[in-house]
Amino acid sequence: MGRLANALSGLRSALGAVSYPLVLPSAEEARRVGSALLAQLDDYLLPRLARLDAPLLVVVGGSTGAGKSTLVNSLVQAPVSTAGVLRPTTRSPVLVANPADLNWFGRGGLLPGLIRTGEQSNDPNALQVIAAPSIGPGVALLDAPDIDSVVDHNRKLAAQLLAAADLWLFVTTAARYADAVPWELLTTARLRGTVIALVLDRVPADAAAEVAAHLGEMLTSRDLGSAPLFVIPETGLDGHGMLPESAVGPMRQWFAQLSSDATARSAVVRQTLDGALGALAPALHGLAEAADEQVTTAATLDERVEAAYRNARRTTEEGLQDGRLLRGEVLARWQEFIGTGEFLRSLESRVGHLRDRLVAAVSGRPAPGRNLQIAMESQLVTLLRGVAADAAEQAYAAWQAHPAGAALLQPGLQKASEDLPERADRLVRDWQQWVLDLVRREAAEKRTVARGAAYAVNGAGLAVMIAVFTTTAFIPTGLEVAAGAGTTVAAQKVLEAVFGDQAIRTLATRARTELLARVDDLLAAEAARFTELTATVRLEAEPGGMLRRVGAEVEAARKELALTGPAQ
């Protein structure tokens, strides 16, 4: 039995780990079934497996006004369960047991979530436990709420109690025995192997044979023909509100025999327990499929977000390639910084002389370089803000078109995050500083540039930044020619003079790679605003597979134990 107990404990952990947060047609039912299975594990399967020899629990269930409480009182010959005069009746369920069995039922082995009390209570989370010497040891009766109560909690509690029954005593009346709700529950009980007995109450004498025959046909057609059927004729109650002995005598005798026969009780317990365990496999299969659908849907939603932000990255990369960032203010500030005519003439001198002239030329007026740096920063930030805004709109629209995605959306997601402008500013400034540091490290190794020649380092750094704005590392083509090839050629010659042709391309490539890596991080943080909403689905890897594995282990352990074979 240890293997089965371990398998059930593993199942309990798995059920607790799997959630169904996305709004899908299968999700609500999966949550309901998952909660019901957890409750059944705690209320019945685990405690019953631990004590197969514990007293038998008979749950008395039925429709509103079927006479369950009157029947229980009549069977134990004491007013232990108050019949509700007004409907719906909200009160705690009542469990009646022989004094010798109170320890088992009173300590909370079965139904541990219900608070035990010895007095009548209106607390729906309480279970009133009453000793009744008139009921034989080994059998207890539990009067459950109406299965069709208009009070939602009553219906849920009734289902919970019925799932914890070793034997279900279903009470209906001649007027309501064909109602749909009872038959749905009876079918559920049959599918999970619960032992069932039926009581047909308030049957008019002239219709007893006809009604009993029809009910028998309905039971047979639903594979319930072997269930014991007790017919109680329409009769008056005695002064204590109980049925006469002639009406309940056969049923009391049946329970007395069950009480006195430990083997019969064990057979009932084992059949119901084995049936409940066997019903786990199809239920878990349904839960696994619902969990798979959650994961698949989450992946679909994530892919829509990733596609939107991939477009943003591609647009950024194109913006660095097609020369658009060289236009306008950046081009003007670059021309101002280079000083085209004088700068080109200065390139005819040797590099060392060039350095000296550059240092002298800009001494005291660093504004052109700073203006260029600001202009590039502004262009890049504008580009990043634009692509982030477009990506947010695209991702929002893609989710809005999917029911599960639409349910997750929040108004703020339709735009880029509020601090995106500040983060984009910081990204560009940090990148610019990274480029300057890169050039400084490279320049320190070149004899042609003195370590203290700040202008040469800064100028080269700015030229590398400009190079990142083009595809061809300053070989003027296409729009770059229209933008002013002379200045780009001048920039290339400066860098060639300082670092050499290969160094130009290497520095520009490294700077561009670094910038795109930072952009990737920025866009990933923006995309995470969406994908973090689907993250709960991905907390457990392959939840569907996990449910299938634990379900298979439970089924293998159940077959190994062979509860319905010879008593162990």
Protein backbone atom coordinates (compact mmCIF):
# COMPACT_ATOMS: atom_id res chain seq x y z
CA MET A 1 0.00 0.00 0.00
CA GLY A 2 3.01 2.25 0.42
CA ARG A 3 3.51 2.62 -3.32
CA LEU A 4 -0.07 3.75 -3.83
CA ALA A 5 0.11 6.19 -0.92
CA ASN A 6 3.30 7.68 -2.36
CA ALA A 7 1.73 7.90 -5.81
CA LEU A 8 -1.31 9.71 -4.40
CA SER A 9 0.92 12.14 -2.52
CA GLY A 10 2.77 12.81 -5.77
CA LEU A 11 -0.54 13.36 -7.52
CA ARG A 12 -1.59 15.83 -4.87
CA SER A 13 1.62 17.82 -5.36
CA ALA A 14 1.18 17.77 -9.12
CA LEU A 15 -2.42 18.99 -8.94
CA GLY A 16 -1.34 21.84 -6.68
CA ALA A 17 1.44 22.84 -9.07
CA VAL A 18 -0.68 23.07 -12.23
CA SER A 19 -2.88 26.09 -12.80
CA TYR A 20 -5.13 27.11 -15.67
CA PRO A 21 -4.87 30.92 -15.63
CA LEU A 22 -5.53 31.61 -19.31
CA VAL A 23 -9.12 32.17 -20.36
CA LEU A 24 -9.87 29.13 -22.52
CA PRO A 25 -13.01 26.99 -22.95
CA SER A 26 -11.32 24.12 -21.09
CA ALA A 27 -9.90 26.19 -18.23
CA GLU A 28 -12.94 26.62 -15.99
CA GLU A 29 -13.82 22.93 -16.11
CA ALA A 30 -10.18 21.99 -15.48
CA ARG A 31 -10.04 24.22 -12.41
CA ARG A 32 -13.27 22.69 -11.11
CA VAL A 33 -12.10 19.12 -11.69
CA GLY A 34 -8.66 19.84 -10.26
CA SER A 35 -10.15 21.32 -7.10
CA ALA A 36 -12.55 18.39 -6.78
CA LEU A 37 -9.70 15.88 -7.12
CA LEU A 38 -7.64 17.69 -4.49
CA ALA A 39 -10.63 17.67 -2.15
CA GLN A 40 -11.26 13.98 -2.78
CA LEU A 41 -7.63 13.13 -2.09
CA ASP A 42 -7.74 14.95 1.25
CA ASP A 43 -11.30 14.07 2.21
CA TYR A 44 -11.37 10.43 1.21
CA LEU A 45 -8.64 8.72 -0.79
CA LEU A 46 -5.62 9.35 1.44
CA PRO A 47 -7.35 8.84 4.82
CA ARG A 48 -9.34 5.84 3.60
CA LEU A 49 -6.26 4.19 2.11
CA ALA A 50 -4.50 4.68 5.43
CA ARG A 51 -7.37 2.91 7.27
CA LEU A 52 -9.18 0.36 5.14
CA ASP A 53 -10.69 -1.10 8.31
CA ALA A 54 -12.16 2.21 9.50
CA PRO A 55 -15.97 2.46 9.88
CA LEU A 56 -18.06 2.69 6.74
CA LEU A 57 -19.38 6.16 5.86
CA VAL A 58 -22.83 6.24 4.30
CA VAL A 59 -23.68 9.66 2.86
CA VAL A 60 -27.39 10.32 2.55
CA GLY A 61 -27.95 12.61 -0.43
CA GLY A 62 -30.82 13.74 -2.56
CA SER A 63 -32.92 16.55 -3.93
CA THR A 64 -34.56 19.37 -2.03
CA GLY A 65 -37.43 18.15 0.17
CA ALA A 66 -36.77 14.47 -0.52
CA GLY A 67 -36.98 13.64 3.20
CA LYS A 68 -33.31 12.86 3.91
CA SER A 69 -33.31 14.23 7.46
CA THR A 70 -36.55 12.48 8.34
CA LEU A 71 -35.13 9.23 7.02
CA VAL A 72 -31.91 9.58 9.05
CA ASN A 73 -33.86 10.34 12.23
CA SER A 74 -36.11 7.38 11.60
CA LEU A 75 -33.21 5.00 11.00
CA VAL A 76 -31.41 5.96 14.23
CA GLN A 77 -34.70 6.42 16.14
CA ALA A 78 -33.70 9.85 17.44
CA PRO A 79 -34.19 13.46 16.26
CA VAL A 80 -30.53 13.95 15.36
CA SER A 81 -31.01 15.88 12.13
CA THR A 82 -33.36 18.85 11.93
CA ALA A 83 -35.49 18.84 8.81
CA GLY A 84 -35.64 22.23 7.12
CA VAL A 85 -39.08 23.81 7.05
CA LEU A 86 -37.97 26.75 4.92
CA ARG A 87 -35.99 26.25 1.71
CA PRO A 88 -33.15 26.59 1.17
CA THR A 89 -31.94 25.30 4.52
CA THR A 90 -28.43 26.40 5.46
CA ARG A 91 -26.95 24.37 8.29
CA SER A 92 -23.98 22.18 8.96
CA PRO A 93 -24.21 18.54 7.82
CA VAL A 94 -24.89 15.94 10.49
CA LEU A 95 -22.92 12.72 10.96
CA VAL A 96 -24.40 10.02 13.21
CA ALA A 97 -22.22 7.15 14.43
CA ASN A 98 -22.05 4.51 17.10
CA PRO A 99 -20.20 5.80 20.19
CA ALA A 100 -17.42 3.30 19.50
CA ASP A 101 -16.73 4.98 16.15
CA LEU A 102 -16.68 8.60 17.29
CA ASN A 103 -12.91 8.65 17.60
CA TRP A 104 -12.47 7.96 13.88
CA PHE A 105 -15.07 10.43 12.66
CA GLY A 106 -14.51 13.02 15.36
CA ARG A 107 -10.77 13.45 14.88
CA GLY A 108 -11.04 14.47 11.22
CA GLY A 109 -9.58 11.52 9.37
CA LEU A 110 -12.18 11.80 6.64
CA LEU A 111 -13.22 15.31 5.57
CA PRO A 112 -10.43 17.02 7.52
CA GLY A 113 -11.43 20.44 6.22
CA LEU A 114 -14.71 20.45 8.18
CA ILE A 115 -14.67 21.64 11.79
CA ARG A 116 -16.08 19.07 14.19
CA THR A 117 -18.79 20.13 16.60
CA GLY A 118 -21.13 18.33 18.93
CA GLU A 119 -23.98 20.83 18.57
CA GLN A 120 -26.30 21.97 15.85
CA SER A 121 -24.69 24.75 13.84
CA ASN A 122 -25.44 27.04 10.93
CA ASP A 123 -21.76 27.16 10.03
CA PRO A 124 -21.53 25.51 6.58
CA ASN A 125 -17.91 24.60 7.28
CA ALA A 126 -18.79 22.60 10.40
CA LEU A 127 -19.64 18.93 10.72
CA GLN A 128 -21.93 17.99 13.59
CA VAL A 129 -20.89 14.60 14.96
CA ILE A 130 -23.50 12.83 17.08
CA ALA A 131 -23.32 9.53 18.96
CA ALA A 132 -26.30 7.20 18.51
CA PRO A 133 -26.20 3.77 20.21
CA SER A 134 -29.09 2.64 18.02
CA ILE A 135 -26.86 2.53 14.96
CA GLY A 136 -24.55 -0.45 14.87
CA PRO A 137 -20.76 -0.09 15.05
CA GLY A 138 -18.85 0.07 11.80
CA VAL A 139 -21.47 2.14 9.94
CA ALA A 140 -22.14 5.90 10.12
CA LEU A 141 -24.79 8.03 8.41
CA LEU A 142 -24.09 11.56 7.14
CA ASP A 143 -27.06 13.77 6.22
CA ALA A 144 -25.76 15.93 3.34
CA PRO A 145 -27.20 19.22 1.98
CA ASP A 146 -29.51 19.18 -1.02
CA ILE A 147 -27.72 18.35 -4.27
CA ASP A 148 -29.92 20.86 -6.13
CA SER A 149 -29.95 23.60 -3.51
CA VAL A 150 -30.25 27.16 -4.78
CA VAL A 151 -27.40 27.99 -2.39
CA ASP A 152 -24.15 27.47 -4.27
CA HIS A 153 -22.18 26.48 -1.15
CA ASN A 154 -24.76 23.83 -0.27
CA ARG A 155 -24.47 22.21 -3.70
CA LYS A 156 -20.67 22.23 -3.56
CA LEU A 157 -20.66 20.79 -0.05
CA ALA A 158 -23.09 18.07 -1.06
CA ALA A 159 -20.80 17.08 -3.96
CA GLN A 160 -17.79 17.12 -1.62
CA LEU A 161 -19.52 14.87 0.91
CA LEU A 162 -20.73 12.44 -1.73
CA ALA A 163 -17.17 12.16 -3.05
CA ALA A 164 -16.08 11.12 0.45
CA ALA A 165 -18.73 8.40 0.77
CA ASP A 166 -17.98 4.70 0.99
CA LEU A 167 -21.64 4.15 0.16
CA TRP A 168 -24.09 6.64 -1.26
CA LEU A 169 -27.69 6.34 -0.05
CA PHE A 170 -29.61 8.38 -2.61
CA VAL A 171 -33.07 9.59 -1.60
CA THR A 172 -35.66 10.70 -4.15
CA THR A 173 -39.44 10.85 -4.31
CA ALA A 174 -42.14 9.44 -6.52
CA ALA A 175 -42.69 12.94 -7.88
CA ARG A 176 -39.03 13.75 -8.63
CA TYR A 177 -37.19 10.52 -9.31
CA ALA A 178 -36.78 11.36 -13.03
CA ASP A 179 -35.22 14.81 -12.46
CA ALA A 180 -32.02 15.42 -14.43
CA VAL A 181 -29.69 16.61 -11.62
CA PRO A 182 -29.94 13.44 -9.49
CA TRP A 183 -29.28 11.24 -12.50
CA GLU A 184 -26.21 13.24 -13.43
CA LEU A 185 -24.80 12.59 -9.95
CA LEU A 186 -25.84 8.95 -10.02
CA THR A 187 -24.01 8.54 -13.34
CA THR A 188 -20.94 10.21 -11.85
CA ALA A 189 -21.09 7.88 -8.86
CA ARG A 190 -21.35 4.86 -11.15
CA LEU A 191 -18.40 6.00 -13.25
CA ARG A 192 -16.21 6.32 -10.18
CA GLY A 193 -17.35 2.97 -8.81
CA THR A 194 -19.16 4.20 -5.71
CA VAL A 195 -21.47 1.66 -4.14
CA ILE A 196 -25.01 3.01 -4.35
CA ALA A 197 -28.33 2.26 -2.67
CA LEU A 198 -31.56 4.12 -3.47
CA VAL A 199 -34.60 5.15 -1.47
CA LEU A 200 -37.81 5.97 -3.32
CA ASP A 201 -39.79 8.02 -0.81
CA ARG A 202 -43.45 9.11 -0.58
CA VAL A 203 -44.79 6.61 -3.06
CA PRO A 204 -48.60 6.56 -3.32
CA ALA A 205 -49.97 3.09 -2.64
CA ASP A 206 -51.83 2.94 -5.95
CA ALA A 207 -48.71 3.88 -7.94
CA ALA A 208 -46.05 1.96 -6.04
CA ALA A 209 -45.68 -0.89 -8.51
CA GLU A 210 -45.67 1.34 -11.57
CA VAL A 211 -43.19 3.90 -10.17
CA ALA A 212 -40.85 1.25 -8.77
CA ALA A 213 -40.85 -0.58 -12.10
CA HIS A 214 -40.11 2.58 -14.07
CA LEU A 215 -37.31 3.55 -11.71
CA GLY A 216 -35.89 0.05 -11.98
CA GLU A 217 -35.86 0.36 -15.77
CA MET A 218 -34.05 3.70 -15.54
CA LEU A 219 -31.47 2.18 -13.19
CA THR A 220 -30.89 -0.79 -15.46
CA SER A 221 -30.47 1.40 -18.54
CA ARG A 222 -27.72 3.29 -16.72
CA ASP A 223 -25.93 0.18 -15.46
CA LEU A 224 -27.24 0.69 -11.93
CA GLY A 225 -29.68 -2.20 -11.89
CA SER A 226 -27.79 -4.02 -9.13
CA ALA A 227 -28.17 -1.15 -6.66
CA PRO A 228 -30.46 -1.98 -3.69
CA LEU A 229 -33.78 -0.12 -3.94
CA PHE A 230 -35.95 0.66 -0.88
CA VAL A 231 -39.49 1.91 -1.41
CA ILE A 232 -41.12 3.97 1.33
CA PRO A 233 -44.87 4.41 0.91
CA GLU A 234 -46.60 7.69 1.37
CA THR A 235 -47.39 7.69 5.09
CA GLY A 236 -47.84 9.95 8.07
CA LEU A 237 -45.15 10.64 10.66
CA ASP A 238 -45.43 9.77 14.32
CA GLY A 239 -45.43 12.28 17.18
CA HIS A 240 -41.63 12.61 16.97
CA GLY A 241 -41.69 13.35 13.24
CA MET A 242 -40.42 9.91 12.28
CA LEU A 243 -41.48 7.28 9.80
CA PRO A 244 -43.20 4.16 11.13
CA GLU A 245 -41.18 1.00 11.61
CA SER A 246 -43.06 -0.68 8.79
CA ALA A 247 -41.62 1.90 6.36
CA VAL A 248 -37.96 1.84 7.43
CA GLY A 249 -37.66 -1.63 8.96
CA PRO A 250 -36.20 -3.33 5.85
CA MET A 251 -33.61 -0.58 5.46
CA ARG A 252 -32.65 -0.67 9.15
CA GLN A 253 -32.23 -4.43 8.91
CA TRP A 254 -29.99 -4.01 5.83
CA PHE A 255 -27.75 -1.61 7.71
CA ALA A 256 -27.70 -3.91 10.74
CA GLN A 257 -26.45 -6.76 8.59
CA LEU A 258 -23.79 -4.48 7.10
CA SER A 259 -22.75 -3.45 10.61
CA SER A 260 -22.37 -7.03 11.75
CA ASP A 261 -20.48 -8.27 8.67
CA ALA A 262 -16.91 -6.91 8.54
CA THR A 263 -16.25 -8.74 5.29
CA ALA A 264 -19.23 -7.11 3.60
CA ARG A 265 -18.16 -3.69 4.83
CA SER A 266 -14.64 -4.29 3.60
CA ALA A 267 -15.98 -5.26 0.17
CA VAL A 268 -17.96 -2.01 -0.03
CA VAL A 269 -14.96 0.08 1.03
CA ARG A 270 -12.63 -1.65 -1.39
CA GLN A 271 -15.03 -1.42 -4.31
CA THR A 272 -15.67 2.29 -3.79
CA LEU A 273 -12.00 3.07 -3.14
CA ASP A 274 -10.86 1.10 -6.17
CA GLY A 275 -13.52 2.78 -8.31
CA ALA A 276 -12.49 6.24 -7.12
CA LEU A 277 -8.84 5.46 -7.86
CA GLY A 278 -9.71 4.05 -11.28
CA ALA A 279 -11.67 7.19 -12.15
CA LEU A 280 -8.56 9.32 -11.62
CA ALA A 281 -6.95 8.28 -14.91
CA PRO A 282 -9.61 9.70 -17.29
CA ALA A 283 -9.97 12.80 -15.13
CA LEU A 284 -6.22 13.39 -15.20
CA HIS A 285 -6.15 12.83 -18.95
CA GLY A 286 -8.64 15.68 -19.34
CA LEU A 287 -6.62 17.89 -17.01
CA ALA A 288 -3.43 17.09 -18.93
CA GLU A 289 -5.04 18.11 -22.20
CA ALA A 290 -6.26 21.36 -20.63
CA ALA A 291 -2.76 22.00 -19.29
CA ASP A 292 -1.27 21.34 -22.72
CA GLU A 293 -3.69 23.84 -24.20
CA GLN A 294 -2.60 26.41 -21.64
CA VAL A 295 1.07 25.94 -22.57
CA THR A 296 0.35 26.00 -26.30
CA THR A 297 -1.74 29.13 -25.97
CA ALA A 298 0.88 30.84 -23.82
CA ALA A 299 3.49 30.03 -26.46
CA THR A 300 1.20 31.44 -29.15
CA LEU A 301 0.69 34.66 -27.23
CA ASP A 302 4.39 34.96 -26.48
CA GLU A 303 5.25 34.45 -30.14
CA ARG A 304 2.93 37.31 -31.11
CA VAL A 305 4.75 39.56 -28.67
CA GLU A 306 8.16 38.36 -29.83
CA ALA A 307 7.18 38.99 -33.45
CA ALA A 308 6.22 42.58 -32.64
CA TYR A 309 9.50 43.23 -30.87
CA ARG A 310 11.50 41.42 -33.54
CA ASN A 311 10.04 43.93 -35.97
CA ALA A 312 11.17 46.69 -33.64
CA ARG A 313 14.70 45.31 -33.58
CA ARG A 314 14.72 44.92 -37.36
CA THR A 315 13.54 48.49 -37.82
CA THR A 316 16.30 49.69 -35.51
CA GLU A 317 18.90 47.73 -37.45
CA GLU A 318 17.60 49.10 -40.74
CA GLY A 319 17.77 52.58 -39.28
CA LEU A 320 21.47 52.05 -38.64
CA GLN A 321 22.03 50.73 -42.17
CA ASP A 322 20.10 52.91 -44.56
CA GLY A 323 21.62 56.28 -43.69
CA ARG A 324 18.41 57.82 -42.36
CA LEU A 325 20.14 58.76 -39.11
CA LEU A 326 22.74 60.80 -41.04
CA ARG A 327 20.18 63.30 -42.20
CA GLY A 328 19.14 66.59 -40.71
CA GLU A 329 20.67 67.69 -37.45
CA VAL A 330 23.29 64.93 -37.25
CA LEU A 331 24.65 65.73 -40.71
CA ALA A 332 24.73 69.44 -39.97
CA ARG A 333 26.54 68.92 -36.68
CA TRP A 334 28.99 66.50 -38.29
CA GLN A 335 29.84 69.03 -41.01
CA GLU A 336 30.26 71.66 -38.35
CA PHE A 337 32.53 69.39 -36.35
CA ILE A 338 34.69 68.38 -39.28
CA GLY A 339 35.03 71.82 -40.83
CA THR A 340 35.22 70.34 -44.29
CA GLY A 341 37.67 72.53 -46.20
CA GLU A 342 40.28 73.17 -43.54
CA PHE A 343 39.99 69.63 -42.25
CA LEU A 344 40.63 68.09 -45.67
CA ARG A 345 43.71 70.28 -46.18
CA SER A 346 45.02 69.27 -42.79
CA LEU A 347 44.83 65.62 -43.80
CA GLU A 348 47.70 66.21 -46.27
CA SER A 349 50.16 66.66 -43.40
CA ARG A 350 51.61 63.83 -41.44
CA VAL A 351 49.47 62.36 -38.72
CA GLY A 352 51.50 63.78 -35.86
CA HIS A 353 51.19 67.28 -37.32
CA LEU A 354 47.47 66.61 -37.81
CA ARG A 355 47.12 65.80 -34.15
CA ASP A 356 48.82 68.98 -33.09
CA ARG A 357 46.74 71.13 -35.39
CA LEU A 358 43.53 69.46 -34.27
CA VAL A 359 44.33 69.97 -30.61
CA ALA A 360 45.17 73.61 -31.23
CA ALA A 361 42.23 74.21 -33.52
CA VAL A 362 39.62 73.14 -31.02
CA SER A 363 41.29 74.44 -27.88
CA GLY A 364 38.73 76.43 -25.98
CA ARG A 365 35.76 75.59 -28.15
CA PRO A 366 34.56 72.00 -27.70
CA ALA A 367 30.97 72.85 -28.58
CA PRO A 368 30.85 71.32 -32.11
CA GLY A 369 31.79 67.86 -30.81
CA ARG A 370 29.32 68.09 -27.96
CA ASN A 371 26.59 69.28 -30.32
CA LEU A 372 27.26 66.33 -32.60
CA GLN A 373 27.08 63.90 -29.70
CA ILE A 374 23.76 65.38 -28.56
CA ALA A 375 22.38 65.26 -32.11
CA MET A 376 23.26 61.57 -32.47
CA GLU A 377 21.79 60.84 -29.08
CA SER A 378 18.56 62.57 -30.02
CA GLN A 379 18.28 60.67 -33.31
CA LEU A 380 18.86 57.31 -31.69
CA VAL A 381 16.48 57.99 -28.80
CA THR A 382 13.79 59.13 -31.23
CA LEU A 383 14.26 55.92 -33.22
CA LEU A 384 14.10 53.72 -30.10
CA ARG A 385 11.02 55.46 -28.74
CA GLY A 386 9.28 55.05 -32.07
CA VAL A 387 10.01 51.34 -32.51
CA ALA A 388 9.09 50.59 -28.88
CA ALA A 389 5.77 52.42 -29.26
CA ASP A 390 5.00 50.60 -32.52
CA ALA A 391 5.90 47.22 -30.99
CA ALA A 392 3.64 47.82 -27.98
CA GLU A 393 0.72 48.67 -30.27
CA GLN A 394 1.35 45.61 -32.45
CA ALA A 395 1.64 43.24 -29.48
CA TYR A 396 -1.46 44.73 -27.86
CA ALA A 397 -3.48 44.32 -31.06
CA ALA A 398 -2.24 40.74 -31.53
CA TRP A 399 -3.34 39.78 -28.02
CA GLN A 400 -6.61 41.63 -28.37
CA ALA A 401 -7.45 39.35 -31.29
CA HIS A 402 -7.10 36.24 -29.07
CA PRO A 403 -9.64 35.60 -26.27
CA ALA A 404 -6.97 34.46 -23.81
CA GLY A 405 -4.74 37.40 -24.69
CA ALA A 406 -7.57 39.93 -24.49
CA ALA A 407 -8.36 38.77 -20.95
CA LEU A 408 -4.78 39.49 -19.86
CA LEU A 409 -4.47 42.95 -21.37
CA GLN A 410 -4.04 46.04 -19.22
CA PRO A 411 -4.53 49.61 -20.54
CA GLY A 412 -0.89 50.57 -20.03
CA LEU A 413 0.34 47.83 -22.34
CA GLN A 414 -0.93 49.60 -25.43
CA LYS A 415 1.95 52.05 -25.12
CA ALA A 416 5.62 51.75 -24.31
CA SER A 417 6.40 51.81 -20.60
CA GLU A 418 6.35 55.23 -18.98
CA ASP A 419 10.06 55.24 -18.23
CA LEU A 420 11.04 54.10 -21.74
CA PRO A 421 12.25 57.61 -22.77
CA GLU A 422 14.54 57.84 -19.75
CA ARG A 423 15.87 54.33 -20.28
CA ALA A 424 16.46 55.02 -23.98
CA ASP A 425 18.33 58.23 -23.09
CA ARG A 426 20.48 56.35 -20.63
CA LEU A 427 21.11 53.54 -23.10
CA VAL A 428 22.42 55.90 -25.78
CA ARG A 429 24.54 57.94 -23.39
CA ASP A 430 26.06 54.80 -21.88
CA TRP A 431 26.75 53.44 -25.34
CA GLN A 432 28.42 56.66 -26.44
CA GLN A 433 30.66 56.52 -23.40
CA TRP A 434 31.42 52.88 -24.17
CA VAL A 435 32.51 53.85 -27.69
CA LEU A 436 34.77 56.63 -26.39
CA ASP A 437 36.31 54.21 -23.91
CA LEU A 438 36.83 51.69 -26.70
CA VAL A 439 38.59 54.26 -28.89
CA ARG A 440 40.68 55.43 -25.96
CA ARG A 441 41.87 51.88 -25.31
CA GLU A 442 42.73 51.39 -28.98
CA ALA A 443 44.39 54.78 -29.26
CA ALA A 444 46.58 54.15 -26.24
CA GLU A 445 48.30 51.41 -28.22
CA LYS A 446 49.00 53.61 -31.30
CA ARG A 447 52.12 55.72 -31.50
CA THR A 448 50.32 58.15 -33.76
CA VAL A 449 48.01 59.34 -31.00
CA ALA A 450 49.34 60.71 -27.74
CA ARG A 451 47.59 59.47 -24.62
CA GLY A 452 46.69 63.02 -23.72
CA ALA A 453 45.27 64.01 -27.10
CA ALA A 454 41.67 64.20 -25.92
CA TYR A 455 40.45 65.79 -29.13
CA ALA A 456 41.89 63.05 -31.28
CA VAL A 457 40.28 60.38 -29.09
CA ASN A 458 36.93 62.15 -28.87
CA GLY A 459 36.97 63.01 -32.55
CA ALA A 460 37.76 59.44 -33.51
CA GLY A 461 35.07 58.21 -31.12
CA LEU A 462 32.46 60.48 -32.67
CA ALA A 463 33.54 59.35 -36.11
CA VAL A 464 33.10 55.71 -35.05
CA MET A 465 29.59 56.58 -33.83
CA ILE A 466 28.84 58.15 -37.17
CA ALA A 467 30.18 55.01 -38.86
CA VAL A 468 27.63 52.95 -36.92
CA PHE A 469 24.92 55.01 -38.60
CA THR A 470 25.85 53.58 -42.02
CA THR A 471 26.14 50.22 -43.70
CA THR A 472 29.51 50.62 -45.36
CA ALA A 473 31.76 52.13 -42.70
CA PHE A 474 31.92 55.48 -44.48
CA ILE A 475 32.24 54.30 -48.05
CA PRO A 476 29.65 56.74 -49.47
CA THR A 477 26.86 55.07 -51.45
CA GLY A 478 23.21 55.76 -52.13
CA LEU A 479 21.68 58.16 -49.65
CA GLU A 480 25.07 58.81 -48.11
CA VAL A 481 26.25 60.42 -51.36
CA ALA A 482 23.18 62.63 -51.37
CA ALA A 483 23.78 63.42 -47.72
CA GLY A 484 27.27 64.73 -48.41
CA ALA A 485 29.97 62.34 -49.48
CA GLY A 486 32.73 64.81 -48.86
CA THR A 487 32.24 64.82 -45.14
CA THR A 488 32.03 61.03 -44.96
CA VAL A 489 35.21 60.66 -46.94
CA ALA A 490 36.85 63.12 -44.59
CA ALA A 491 35.75 61.12 -41.60
CA GLN A 492 37.04 57.92 -43.11
CA LYS A 493 40.43 59.48 -43.83
CA VAL A 494 40.71 60.69 -40.23
CA LEU A 495 40.08 57.20 -38.92
CA GLU A 496 42.40 55.62 -41.47
CA ALA A 497 45.12 58.03 -40.46
CA VAL A 498 44.71 57.20 -36.80
CA PHE A 499 43.93 53.49 -36.83
CA GLY A 500 44.27 52.14 -40.34
CA ASP A 501 41.55 50.88 -42.69
CA GLN A 502 40.90 47.53 -40.96
CA ALA A 503 40.70 49.19 -37.59
CA ILE A 504 37.91 51.42 -38.84
CA ARG A 505 35.76 48.50 -39.79
CA THR A 506 36.58 46.58 -36.64
CA LEU A 507 35.73 49.49 -34.35
CA ALA A 508 32.53 50.30 -36.22
CA THR A 509 31.44 46.66 -36.17
CA ARG A 510 32.14 46.31 -32.45
CA ALA A 511 30.33 49.55 -31.67
CA ARG A 512 27.32 48.58 -33.76
CA THR A 513 27.16 45.10 -32.18
CA GLU A 514 27.30 46.64 -28.72
CA LEU A 515 24.54 49.12 -29.54
CA LEU A 516 22.22 46.41 -30.90
CA ALA A 517 22.87 44.24 -27.84
CA ARG A 518 21.78 47.10 -25.62
CA VAL A 519 18.74 47.69 -27.82
CA ASP A 520 17.89 43.98 -27.50
CA ASP A 521 17.92 44.29 -23.72
CA LEU A 522 15.72 47.39 -23.87
CA LEU A 523 13.17 45.73 -26.14
CA ALA A 524 13.26 42.50 -24.11
CA ALA A 525 12.31 44.46 -21.01
CA GLU A 526 9.44 46.03 -22.93
CA ALA A 527 8.26 42.65 -24.24
CA ALA A 528 8.45 41.20 -20.72
CA ARG A 529 5.54 43.43 -19.71
CA PHE A 530 3.43 41.09 -21.84
CA THR A 531 5.18 37.75 -21.39
CA GLU A 532 5.29 38.01 -17.61
CA LEU A 533 1.50 37.73 -17.75
CA THR A 534 1.80 34.25 -19.28
CA ALA A 535 4.71 33.22 -17.05
CA THR A 536 2.54 31.33 -14.55
CA VAL A 537 1.72 28.77 -17.25
CA ARG A 538 5.42 28.08 -17.71
CA LEU A 539 6.31 27.69 -14.03
CA GLU A 540 6.05 23.93 -14.32
CA ALA A 541 7.76 22.38 -17.32
CA GLU A 542 5.34 20.25 -19.34
CA PRO A 543 2.48 20.23 -16.80
CA GLY A 544 0.44 17.95 -19.03
CA GLY A 545 3.23 15.40 -19.14
CA MET A 546 3.65 15.61 -15.39
CA LEU A 547 -0.05 14.89 -14.81
CA ARG A 548 0.10 11.93 -17.18
CA ARG A 549 3.13 10.51 -15.41
CA VAL A 550 1.66 10.73 -11.91
CA GLY A 551 -1.65 9.38 -13.21
CA ALA A 552 0.09 6.38 -14.72
CA GLU A 553 1.92 5.74 -11.46
CA VAL A 554 -1.33 5.85 -9.47
CA GLU A 555 -3.00 3.45 -11.90
CA ALA A 556 -0.06 1.03 -11.80
CA ALA A 557 -0.06 1.09 -7.99
CA ARG A 558 -3.83 0.56 -7.90
CA LYS A 559 -3.59 -2.52 -10.11
CA GLU A 560 -0.72 -3.84 -8.06
CA LEU A 561 -2.73 -3.50 -4.84
CA ALA A 562 -5.79 -5.26 -6.35
CA LEU A 563 -8.31 -3.83 -3.89
CA THR A 564 -11.26 -5.70 -5.40
CA GLY A 565 -9.42 -9.03 -5.33
CA PRO A 566 -9.07 -11.15 -2.19
CA ALA A 567 -8.81 -9.00 0.95
CA GLN A 568 -5.23 -8.05 1.68
